[in-house]
Amino acid sequence: MSVDAKDGAADRTSMVGVRSAVGLLGRRSVAGLVGLVLGALLLYALSGAVVALDRAVAAALNALVAPHPSVVALLRGVTRIGDTMTGVVVLSTLALYLLARERRRLVAFVLVTGVGALALGTTAKALVGRVRPIVEAPVATAPGASFPSGHTLTATVTVGVLLLVLLPTAPVRARRALIGCGAMVIAVVAFTRIALGVHFLSDVVGGAALGIGWLAVTAAAFRDRRRQEGLAVPPVHDGLEPEAAAKLAPAPSPEPDPVRRGTVAAQLAVVAVVLLGVTLGAGLLVTVLLPGTGIEHVDREVVQDLAASRIPVLDGISGPAAELGNTAVVIAVGVVVAVLAVAHRRQWRPAALLAVLLVGELGIFMAAATVIGRPRPPVAHLDAELPPTSSFPSGHTSAAICLYGAIAALVLTASRAWWRWLVLALAVAVVVVVALARLYRGAHFPSDVIGSVLFAVPWLLITLRLVPLEPERARPTDRD
């Protein structure tokens, strides 16, 4: 049998095992899910006894938060930790990581718990139908019913699943601290929902209670299956599968040479400063020396011609295309790619590479944009709100170059198959599409995109050289 055939057979066996485990865990958890829905109705009935407290807390926090826009913006950002999409991305990434490490039972636990939590929250909201709080100075809105808090439920389940699955990989002394940090994350998300005026106190208590209850149901089903298979059932604070620790954690690597590590950090810092200088020089050239010249005329004419030739189809397509370079999207995709690359390689190098690339790119871009301060093109903008940064350089373009270039490098070094070159071509295509979309939507001049290429491409290539994905081989000594 060929290597490809063996790999295909292994993949099919793995997926069959996952489906079997999901089916078994799902059947054992259905009764618990029904019980928790009934429990949600009971919790809501009990919350009627604390209506006065609910309203008092909502009014007090609204009076405290509403006069401070910066506090509201902070709360809006933090509360996204409990978004359904955040939970879906985190748990899906965890499931893929576990699948790559061949832990099928844990994959089933993650999938059943995540899907069940979504069904639990949706069903409870539909049955209860509680109206959202009415506060004096609304600072946020949310669709759907108020009880239970979906964000709190999602945060509870997501944090709980991460802890139950990954605790075995942490040192024993650190586990209590990690559990405490997880509880703090849940509490903070719950607080933001009340402070933003979209939930009552009893809503977030109900969301946390239901999340903990659902985790208890699925964890009990998982542990019962272990018991039936004759496996040891560990204490909850040791995680669900302590024996998986060696498989889940990255392989131990030699201690890095402190001198070498310091040298690389210094080299990266120097490169970043030099590239920032180049970018500032290009920005000052564009904004100070070129105005009134033929180059500036062409720069403006390209954007104006694109704005004049807009059509509905491209208007719709260019929005999602441009978002491929959005900072939030780039960070989210970068985290997911880093997790999967660590799972595949069992090394921290891919995560370190992506962190250095994206942090460095963001630092250079923000510094240059702050100094240059170029106004956006004088055309109608298709985006309702543009980032409050300078037009020069294009942050979307530079972020796309670093992220998708790193993904291509990961694939090129991990595979020798012919299709790896298609991944490289796709990465280049995505960068081009992002740049064109930003021009089309009136967010940047062509010179802004060129300015991004001037620093992002060298930053990508030099970082790949200084933070290699493959460990360096020891150099032969005179005695060898």
Protein backbone atom coordinates (compact mmCIF):
# COMPACT_ATOMS: atom_id res chain seq x y z
CA MET A 1 0.00 0.00 0.00
CA SER A 2 1.36 3.47 -0.90
CA VAL A 3 2.09 6.17 1.68
CA ASP A 4 -0.83 8.28 0.38
CA ALA A 5 -3.20 5.31 0.65
CA LYS A 6 -2.05 4.62 4.20
CA ASP A 7 -2.54 8.27 5.15
CA GLY A 8 -6.01 8.24 3.60
CA ALA A 9 -6.95 5.07 5.48
CA ALA A 10 -5.66 6.59 8.72
CA ASP A 11 -7.67 9.77 8.15
CA ARG A 12 -10.86 7.75 7.48
CA THR A 13 -10.28 5.65 10.58
CA SER A 14 -9.73 8.81 12.62
CA MET A 15 -12.96 10.41 11.37
CA VAL A 16 -14.95 7.23 11.97
CA GLY A 17 -13.59 7.14 15.51
CA VAL A 18 -14.57 10.77 16.05
CA ARG A 19 -18.11 10.20 14.73
CA SER A 20 -18.50 7.13 16.96
CA ALA A 21 -17.27 9.00 20.02
CA VAL A 22 -19.50 12.01 19.25
CA GLY A 23 -22.53 9.74 18.88
CA LEU A 24 -21.89 7.99 22.20
CA LEU A 25 -21.20 11.17 24.15
CA GLY A 26 -24.16 12.89 22.49
CA ARG A 27 -26.61 10.14 23.47
CA ARG A 28 -25.40 10.23 27.06
CA SER A 29 -25.72 14.02 27.19
CA VAL A 30 -29.22 14.47 25.72
CA ALA A 31 -31.00 13.79 29.01
CA GLY A 32 -28.75 16.28 30.73
CA LEU A 33 -29.45 18.89 28.05
CA VAL A 34 -33.22 18.48 28.52
CA GLY A 35 -32.79 18.72 32.28
CA LEU A 36 -30.78 21.92 31.96
CA VAL A 37 -33.44 23.52 29.74
CA LEU A 38 -35.98 22.79 32.47
CA GLY A 39 -33.46 24.16 34.97
CA ALA A 40 -33.26 27.36 32.95
CA LEU A 41 -37.00 27.83 33.33
CA LEU A 42 -36.65 27.28 37.08
CA LEU A 43 -33.79 29.76 37.32
CA TYR A 44 -35.86 32.35 35.48
CA ALA A 45 -38.78 31.75 37.81
CA LEU A 46 -36.49 32.30 40.78
CA SER A 47 -35.05 35.46 39.20
CA GLY A 48 -38.48 37.04 39.55
CA ALA A 49 -37.77 37.31 43.27
CA VAL A 50 -34.78 39.57 42.62
CA VAL A 51 -36.34 41.96 40.09
CA ALA A 52 -35.69 44.97 42.30
CA LEU A 53 -32.02 44.03 42.69
CA ASP A 54 -31.72 43.43 38.94
CA ARG A 55 -33.06 46.88 38.13
CA ALA A 56 -31.00 48.63 40.80
CA VAL A 57 -27.73 47.07 39.60
CA ALA A 58 -28.53 47.84 35.94
CA ALA A 59 -29.36 51.49 36.73
CA ALA A 60 -26.31 51.99 38.96
CA LEU A 61 -23.84 50.60 36.42
CA ASN A 62 -25.46 52.54 33.58
CA ALA A 63 -25.09 55.80 35.51
CA LEU A 64 -21.45 54.93 36.20
CA VAL A 65 -20.50 53.90 32.65
CA ALA A 66 -22.60 56.02 30.27
CA PRO A 67 -20.75 59.35 30.80
CA HIS A 68 -17.39 57.80 29.79
CA PRO A 69 -17.10 56.84 26.09
CA SER A 70 -13.63 55.35 26.59
CA VAL A 71 -14.95 53.00 29.27
CA VAL A 72 -17.84 52.00 27.00
CA ALA A 73 -15.40 51.29 24.16
CA LEU A 74 -13.29 49.14 26.50
CA LEU A 75 -16.34 47.20 27.67
CA ARG A 76 -17.44 46.65 24.07
CA GLY A 77 -14.03 45.20 23.24
CA VAL A 78 -13.78 42.95 26.29
CA THR A 79 -17.32 41.62 25.94
CA ARG A 80 -16.43 40.11 22.56
CA ILE A 81 -14.60 37.37 24.43
CA GLY A 82 -18.05 35.89 25.01
CA ASP A 83 -19.32 36.27 21.42
CA THR A 84 -20.73 33.14 19.84
CA MET A 85 -18.26 33.50 16.99
CA THR A 86 -15.36 33.69 19.45
CA GLY A 87 -16.52 30.47 21.08
CA VAL A 88 -16.97 28.76 17.72
CA VAL A 89 -13.48 29.75 16.53
CA VAL A 90 -11.76 28.78 19.80
CA LEU A 91 -13.48 25.41 20.19
CA SER A 92 -13.17 24.55 16.48
CA THR A 93 -9.46 25.32 16.59
CA LEU A 94 -9.09 23.21 19.74
CA ALA A 95 -10.93 20.33 18.06
CA LEU A 96 -8.61 20.51 15.03
CA TYR A 97 -5.58 20.60 17.33
CA LEU A 98 -6.82 17.50 19.17
CA LEU A 99 -7.59 15.75 15.89
CA ALA A 100 -4.05 16.43 14.71
CA ARG A 101 -2.77 14.91 17.96
CA GLU A 102 -5.08 11.86 17.51
CA ARG A 103 -7.15 12.41 20.67
CA ARG A 104 -10.53 11.39 19.24
CA ARG A 105 -12.38 11.14 22.55
CA LEU A 106 -11.40 14.67 23.45
CA VAL A 107 -12.47 15.88 19.99
CA ALA A 108 -15.90 14.35 20.66
CA PHE A 109 -16.08 16.05 24.06
CA VAL A 110 -15.27 19.46 22.55
CA LEU A 111 -17.80 19.12 19.72
CA VAL A 112 -20.65 17.78 21.85
CA THR A 113 -20.10 20.38 24.57
CA GLY A 114 -19.83 23.29 22.13
CA VAL A 115 -22.85 22.39 20.00
CA GLY A 116 -24.90 21.53 23.07
CA ALA A 117 -24.13 24.89 24.70
CA LEU A 118 -25.34 26.69 21.56
CA ALA A 119 -28.58 24.67 21.58
CA LEU A 120 -29.03 25.19 25.32
CA GLY A 121 -28.72 28.96 25.15
CA THR A 122 -30.94 29.32 22.09
CA THR A 123 -33.68 27.08 23.51
CA ALA A 124 -33.67 28.73 26.92
CA LYS A 125 -33.93 32.21 25.41
CA ALA A 126 -36.84 31.14 23.19
CA LEU A 127 -38.76 29.56 26.08
CA VAL A 128 -38.21 32.41 28.55
CA GLY A 129 -38.46 35.43 26.24
CA ARG A 130 -37.35 37.96 28.85
CA VAL A 131 -37.16 41.59 27.70
CA ARG A 132 -33.79 43.34 27.80
CA PRO A 133 -33.12 45.97 30.51
CA ILE A 134 -34.34 49.52 29.91
CA VAL A 135 -31.78 52.01 31.21
CA GLU A 136 -31.69 55.78 31.28
CA ALA A 137 -28.72 56.21 28.92
CA PRO A 138 -28.40 53.18 26.59
CA VAL A 139 -24.81 52.56 25.44
CA ALA A 140 -25.29 49.22 23.66
CA THR A 141 -27.97 47.03 22.13
CA ALA A 142 -28.28 43.28 21.66
CA PRO A 143 -30.76 41.12 19.71
CA GLY A 144 -32.89 38.37 21.19
CA ALA A 145 -34.17 37.68 24.68
CA SER A 146 -32.31 38.66 27.84
CA PHE A 147 -32.34 35.42 29.87
CA PRO A 148 -29.91 33.70 30.04
CA SER A 149 -26.84 35.72 29.05
CA GLY A 150 -25.51 34.01 25.94
CA HIS A 151 -22.11 35.70 26.28
CA THR A 152 -21.70 34.47 29.85
CA LEU A 153 -22.83 30.96 28.87
CA THR A 154 -20.42 30.89 25.93
CA ALA A 155 -17.50 32.20 28.00
CA THR A 156 -18.20 29.66 30.76
CA VAL A 157 -18.34 26.71 28.38
CA THR A 158 -15.35 27.84 26.30
CA VAL A 159 -13.11 28.46 29.30
CA GLY A 160 -14.31 25.26 30.96
CA VAL A 161 -13.59 23.11 27.90
CA LEU A 162 -10.11 24.63 27.51
CA LEU A 163 -9.31 23.90 31.14
CA LEU A 164 -10.69 20.36 31.17
CA VAL A 165 -8.80 19.44 28.01
CA LEU A 166 -5.50 21.30 28.46
CA LEU A 167 -4.93 21.29 32.24
CA PRO A 168 -2.89 18.05 32.04
CA THR A 169 -0.27 19.89 29.95
CA ALA A 170 0.28 22.52 32.68
CA PRO A 171 2.57 22.05 35.69
CA VAL A 172 0.65 20.85 38.75
CA ARG A 173 1.56 23.99 40.70
CA ALA A 174 0.11 26.22 38.00
CA ARG A 175 -3.27 24.50 37.63
CA ARG A 176 -5.06 26.29 40.47
CA ALA A 177 -3.84 29.62 39.12
CA LEU A 178 -5.10 28.74 35.63
CA ILE A 179 -8.50 27.78 37.02
CA GLY A 180 -8.60 31.08 38.90
CA CYS A 181 -7.72 33.01 35.73
CA GLY A 182 -10.47 31.17 33.85
CA ALA A 183 -13.03 32.09 36.51
CA MET A 184 -11.87 35.71 36.31
CA VAL A 185 -12.37 35.78 32.53
CA ILE A 186 -15.94 34.52 32.96
CA ALA A 187 -16.65 37.07 35.69
CA VAL A 188 -15.28 39.92 33.56
CA VAL A 189 -17.44 38.95 30.57
CA ALA A 190 -20.49 38.73 32.84
CA PHE A 191 -19.72 42.18 34.27
CA THR A 192 -19.45 43.74 30.81
CA ARG A 193 -22.90 42.48 29.87
CA ILE A 194 -24.48 44.17 32.90
CA ALA A 195 -22.37 47.32 32.57
CA LEU A 196 -23.37 47.72 28.91
CA GLY A 197 -27.02 47.53 29.96
CA VAL A 198 -27.93 44.50 27.83
CA HIS A 199 -28.44 42.02 30.69
CA PHE A 200 -29.69 41.88 34.26
CA LEU A 201 -27.63 40.43 37.09
CA SER A 202 -29.83 37.31 37.17
CA ASP A 203 -29.26 36.82 33.41
CA VAL A 204 -25.50 36.45 33.80
CA VAL A 205 -25.90 34.30 36.93
CA GLY A 206 -28.25 32.07 34.93
CA GLY A 207 -25.82 31.93 32.00
CA ALA A 208 -22.90 30.93 34.24
CA ALA A 209 -25.01 28.36 36.11
CA LEU A 210 -26.22 26.75 32.89
CA GLY A 211 -22.70 26.70 31.46
CA ILE A 212 -21.30 25.01 34.56
CA GLY A 213 -24.21 22.55 34.58
CA TRP A 214 -23.69 21.62 30.93
CA LEU A 215 -19.95 21.15 31.47
CA ALA A 216 -20.76 18.89 34.41
CA VAL A 217 -23.12 16.81 32.24
CA THR A 218 -20.70 16.28 29.33
CA ALA A 219 -17.69 15.76 31.62
CA ALA A 220 -19.66 13.14 33.58
CA ALA A 221 -20.56 11.36 30.33
CA PHE A 222 -16.90 11.43 29.27
CA ARG A 223 -15.70 10.13 32.62
CA ASP A 224 -18.39 7.42 32.67
CA ARG A 225 -17.15 6.17 29.32
CA ARG A 226 -13.60 6.00 30.66
CA ARG A 227 -14.86 4.01 33.63
CA GLN A 228 -16.63 1.53 31.35
CA GLU A 229 -13.45 1.10 29.31
CA GLY A 230 -11.52 0.27 32.49
CA LEU A 231 -9.52 3.51 32.47
CA ALA A 232 -8.74 5.49 35.60
CA VAL A 233 -11.04 8.44 36.32
CA PRO A 234 -8.82 11.34 37.48
CA PRO A 235 -9.88 14.24 39.72
CA VAL A 236 -11.49 17.05 37.74
CA HIS A 237 -8.66 19.45 38.55
CA ASP A 238 -6.28 17.10 36.68
CA GLY A 239 -8.31 17.37 33.45
CA LEU A 240 -10.18 14.73 31.51
CA GLU A 241 -7.25 12.78 30.05
CA PRO A 242 -4.04 13.19 32.09
CA GLU A 243 -2.34 10.55 29.97
CA ALA A 244 -2.75 12.81 26.92
CA ALA A 245 -0.37 15.44 28.31
CA ALA A 246 2.68 14.10 26.49
CA LYS A 247 0.74 13.97 23.23
CA LEU A 248 -0.84 17.43 23.52
CA ALA A 249 2.13 19.46 24.69
CA PRO A 250 4.81 20.46 22.17
CA ALA A 251 7.84 18.20 22.19
CA PRO A 252 10.61 19.28 24.58
CA SER A 253 13.33 21.23 22.85
CA PRO A 254 16.88 22.12 23.87
CA GLU A 255 17.24 25.21 26.01
CA PRO A 256 17.76 28.19 23.69
CA ASP A 257 21.13 29.82 23.79
CA PRO A 258 20.61 33.11 25.71
CA VAL A 259 23.33 34.82 23.69
CA ARG A 260 21.81 33.69 20.40
CA ARG A 261 18.32 34.70 21.53
CA GLY A 262 19.53 38.14 22.59
CA THR A 263 21.38 38.59 19.31
CA VAL A 264 18.27 37.73 17.28
CA ALA A 265 16.15 40.14 19.33
CA ALA A 266 18.67 42.92 18.79
CA GLN A 267 18.85 42.20 15.06
CA LEU A 268 15.05 42.27 14.76
CA ALA A 269 14.92 45.57 16.63
CA VAL A 270 17.52 47.12 14.32
CA VAL A 271 15.70 45.87 11.23
CA ALA A 272 12.40 47.27 12.54
CA VAL A 273 13.96 50.69 13.17
CA VAL A 274 15.60 50.77 9.72
CA LEU A 275 12.34 49.78 8.00
CA LEU A 276 10.46 52.40 10.00
CA GLY A 277 12.97 54.98 8.79
CA VAL A 278 12.51 53.87 5.18
CA THR A 279 8.73 54.04 5.56
CA LEU A 280 8.86 57.50 7.14
CA GLY A 281 11.14 58.67 4.34
CA ALA A 282 8.72 57.38 1.71
CA GLY A 283 5.80 58.96 3.55
CA LEU A 284 7.45 62.36 3.77
CA LEU A 285 8.39 62.11 0.08
CA VAL A 286 4.74 61.50 -0.81
CA THR A 287 3.25 64.14 1.47
CA VAL A 288 5.89 66.90 1.34
CA LEU A 289 7.86 66.71 -1.93
CA LEU A 290 5.44 65.17 -4.44
CA PRO A 291 2.30 67.35 -4.03
CA GLY A 292 1.67 69.28 -7.23
CA THR A 293 3.79 66.93 -9.35
CA GLY A 294 2.69 64.50 -12.04
CA ILE A 295 3.20 61.56 -9.68
CA GLU A 296 0.74 63.02 -7.17
CA HIS A 297 -1.71 63.66 -10.01
CA VAL A 298 -1.57 60.00 -11.07
CA ASP A 299 -1.92 58.91 -7.44
CA ARG A 300 -5.19 60.81 -7.08
CA GLU A 301 -6.44 60.02 -10.57
CA VAL A 302 -6.27 56.25 -9.99
CA VAL A 303 -8.46 56.48 -6.89
CA GLN A 304 -10.93 58.85 -8.56
CA ASP A 305 -11.20 56.63 -11.64
CA LEU A 306 -11.88 53.58 -9.45
CA ALA A 307 -14.55 55.50 -7.52
CA ALA A 308 -16.19 56.64 -10.75
CA SER A 309 -16.31 53.09 -12.16
CA ARG A 310 -17.87 51.37 -9.15
CA ILE A 311 -20.58 48.77 -9.74
CA PRO A 312 -22.85 47.04 -7.19
CA VAL A 313 -21.24 43.62 -7.63
CA LEU A 314 -17.74 44.88 -6.87
CA ASP A 315 -19.06 47.08 -4.09
CA GLY A 316 -20.35 43.95 -2.36
CA ILE A 317 -17.33 41.74 -3.07
CA SER A 318 -14.67 44.31 -2.16
CA GLY A 319 -15.91 44.65 1.43
CA PRO A 320 -15.22 41.05 2.55
CA ALA A 321 -12.07 41.01 0.40
CA ALA A 322 -10.66 44.05 2.20
CA GLU A 323 -11.51 42.50 5.58
CA LEU A 324 -8.94 39.75 4.91
CA GLY A 325 -6.39 42.38 5.96
CA ASN A 326 -8.38 43.79 8.89
CA THR A 327 -6.36 43.82 12.11
CA ALA A 328 -8.90 41.77 14.09
CA VAL A 329 -9.22 39.20 11.30
CA VAL A 330 -5.44 38.96 10.87
CA ILE A 331 -4.92 38.41 14.61
CA ALA A 332 -7.69 35.79 14.78
CA VAL A 333 -6.40 33.90 11.73
CA GLY A 334 -2.84 34.20 13.00
CA VAL A 335 -3.76 32.63 16.35
CA VAL A 336 -5.64 29.78 14.65
CA VAL A 337 -2.77 29.11 12.23
CA ALA A 338 -0.24 29.22 15.08
CA VAL A 339 -2.21 26.67 17.11
CA LEU A 340 -2.58 24.28 14.18
CA ALA A 341 1.07 24.68 13.16
CA VAL A 342 2.20 23.91 16.72
CA ALA A 343 -0.06 20.83 16.69
CA HIS A 344 1.46 19.64 13.42
CA ARG A 345 5.12 20.39 14.16
CA ARG A 346 5.04 19.94 17.94
CA GLN A 347 7.27 23.01 18.22
CA TRP A 348 6.70 26.57 19.40
CA ARG A 349 8.63 28.03 16.47
CA PRO A 350 5.57 28.72 14.24
CA ALA A 351 3.83 30.58 17.07
CA ALA A 352 6.98 32.60 17.77
CA LEU A 353 7.39 33.46 14.09
CA LEU A 354 3.81 34.65 13.71
CA ALA A 355 3.97 36.67 16.92
CA VAL A 356 7.17 38.45 15.88
CA LEU A 357 5.87 39.11 12.36
CA LEU A 358 2.48 40.51 13.34
CA VAL A 359 3.63 42.51 16.36
CA GLY A 360 6.51 44.00 14.39
CA GLU A 361 4.31 44.85 11.42
CA LEU A 362 1.73 46.52 13.64
CA GLY A 363 4.40 48.52 15.45
CA ILE A 364 6.03 49.81 12.27
CA PHE A 365 2.67 50.62 10.70
CA MET A 366 1.30 52.47 13.74
CA ALA A 367 4.47 54.50 14.22
CA ALA A 368 4.63 55.52 10.56
CA ALA A 369 0.92 56.32 10.36
CA THR A 370 1.12 58.48 13.49
CA VAL A 371 4.03 60.53 12.17
CA ILE A 372 2.84 60.91 8.55
CA GLY A 373 -0.83 61.66 9.24
CA ARG A 374 -1.87 61.66 5.58
CA PRO A 375 -5.60 62.35 4.96
CA ARG A 376 -7.72 59.72 3.21
CA PRO A 377 -8.40 60.12 -0.55
CA PRO A 378 -10.98 62.83 -1.38
CA VAL A 379 -13.56 60.39 -2.79
CA ALA A 380 -16.72 58.75 -1.45
CA HIS A 381 -15.77 55.96 0.94
CA LEU A 382 -17.70 52.69 0.75
CA ASP A 383 -16.89 51.86 4.38
CA ALA A 384 -19.19 53.52 6.89
CA GLU A 385 -16.26 54.02 9.27
CA LEU A 386 -12.59 54.02 8.34
CA PRO A 387 -9.90 53.37 10.96
CA PRO A 388 -8.76 56.64 12.60
CA THR A 389 -5.23 56.09 11.32
CA SER A 390 -3.35 57.83 8.53
CA SER A 391 -3.90 56.88 4.89
CA PHE A 392 -0.15 56.18 4.57
CA PRO A 393 0.83 53.36 4.73
CA SER A 394 -1.93 50.80 4.11
CA GLY A 395 -2.17 48.70 7.27
CA HIS A 396 -4.47 46.15 5.64
CA THR A 397 -1.90 45.51 2.91
CA SER A 398 1.09 45.18 5.25
CA ALA A 399 -0.83 42.88 7.63
CA ALA A 400 -1.91 40.69 4.70
CA ILE A 401 1.66 40.43 3.43
CA CYS A 402 2.96 39.27 6.81
CA LEU A 403 0.13 36.88 7.70
CA TYR A 404 -0.43 35.14 4.37
CA GLY A 405 3.27 35.18 3.57
CA ALA A 406 3.93 33.38 6.86
CA ILE A 407 1.22 30.83 6.08
CA ALA A 408 2.83 30.14 2.71
CA ALA A 409 6.23 29.74 4.40
CA LEU A 410 4.74 27.27 6.91
CA VAL A 411 3.32 25.15 4.09
CA LEU A 412 6.46 25.35 1.96
CA THR A 413 8.65 24.08 4.80
CA ALA A 414 6.18 21.41 5.98
CA SER A 415 5.43 19.75 2.65
CA ARG A 416 7.24 18.74 -0.51
CA ALA A 417 4.05 18.14 -2.49
CA TRP A 418 3.50 20.04 -5.72
CA TRP A 419 0.41 21.84 -4.39
CA ARG A 420 2.50 23.85 -1.93
CA TRP A 421 3.27 26.25 -4.78
CA LEU A 422 -0.47 26.79 -5.21
CA VAL A 423 -0.57 27.92 -1.57
CA LEU A 424 2.19 30.44 -2.30
CA ALA A 425 0.32 31.69 -5.38
CA LEU A 426 -2.89 31.98 -3.34
CA ALA A 427 -1.08 33.98 -0.64
CA VAL A 428 0.19 36.44 -3.25
CA ALA A 429 -3.28 36.64 -4.79
CA VAL A 430 -4.89 37.41 -1.42
CA VAL A 431 -2.44 40.28 -0.81
CA VAL A 432 -3.16 41.73 -4.25
CA VAL A 433 -6.91 41.41 -3.72
CA VAL A 434 -6.73 43.15 -0.33
CA ALA A 435 -4.70 46.03 -1.79
CA LEU A 436 -7.03 46.47 -4.77
CA ALA A 437 -10.10 46.30 -2.52
CA ARG A 438 -8.76 49.08 -0.30
CA LEU A 439 -8.07 51.24 -3.38
CA TYR A 440 -11.49 50.50 -4.84
CA ARG A 441 -13.28 51.41 -1.62
CA GLY A 442 -11.52 54.76 -1.46
CA ALA A 443 -9.51 54.04 1.69
CA HIS A 444 -6.01 54.50 0.21
CA PHE A 445 -3.94 55.98 -2.57
CA PRO A 446 -1.73 53.66 -4.67
CA SER A 447 1.34 55.21 -2.97
CA ASP A 448 -0.04 54.06 0.40
CA VAL A 449 -0.03 50.47 -0.82
CA ILE A 450 3.49 50.85 -2.24
CA GLY A 451 4.64 52.22 1.10
CA SER A 452 3.31 49.12 2.83
CA VAL A 453 5.09 46.80 0.40
CA LEU A 454 8.36 48.69 0.99
CA PHE A 455 8.48 47.69 4.66
CA ALA A 456 6.27 44.59 4.93
CA VAL A 457 8.03 42.41 2.35
CA PRO A 458 11.53 42.97 3.82
CA TRP A 459 10.16 42.50 7.34
CA LEU A 460 8.62 39.17 6.29
CA LEU A 461 11.75 37.88 4.55
CA ILE A 462 14.22 38.99 7.23
CA THR A 463 12.05 37.61 10.06
CA LEU A 464 11.83 34.27 8.25
CA ARG A 465 15.64 34.31 8.11
CA LEU A 466 16.20 35.30 11.75
CA VAL A 467 13.39 33.19 13.24
CA PRO A 468 13.64 30.04 11.09
CA LEU A 469 10.89 27.44 11.15
CA GLU A 470 13.46 24.65 11.13
CA PRO A 471 16.05 24.40 13.95
CA GLU A 472 19.54 25.24 12.87
CA ARG A 473 21.92 22.30 12.58
CA ALA A 474 24.93 22.34 14.81
CA ARG A 475 27.98 23.56 13.00
CA PRO A 476 30.91 21.12 12.81
CA THR A 477 33.81 21.91 15.10
CA ASP A 478 37.51 21.50 14.43
CA ARG A 479 37.43 18.19 16.30
CA ASP A 480 34.70 16.68 14.06
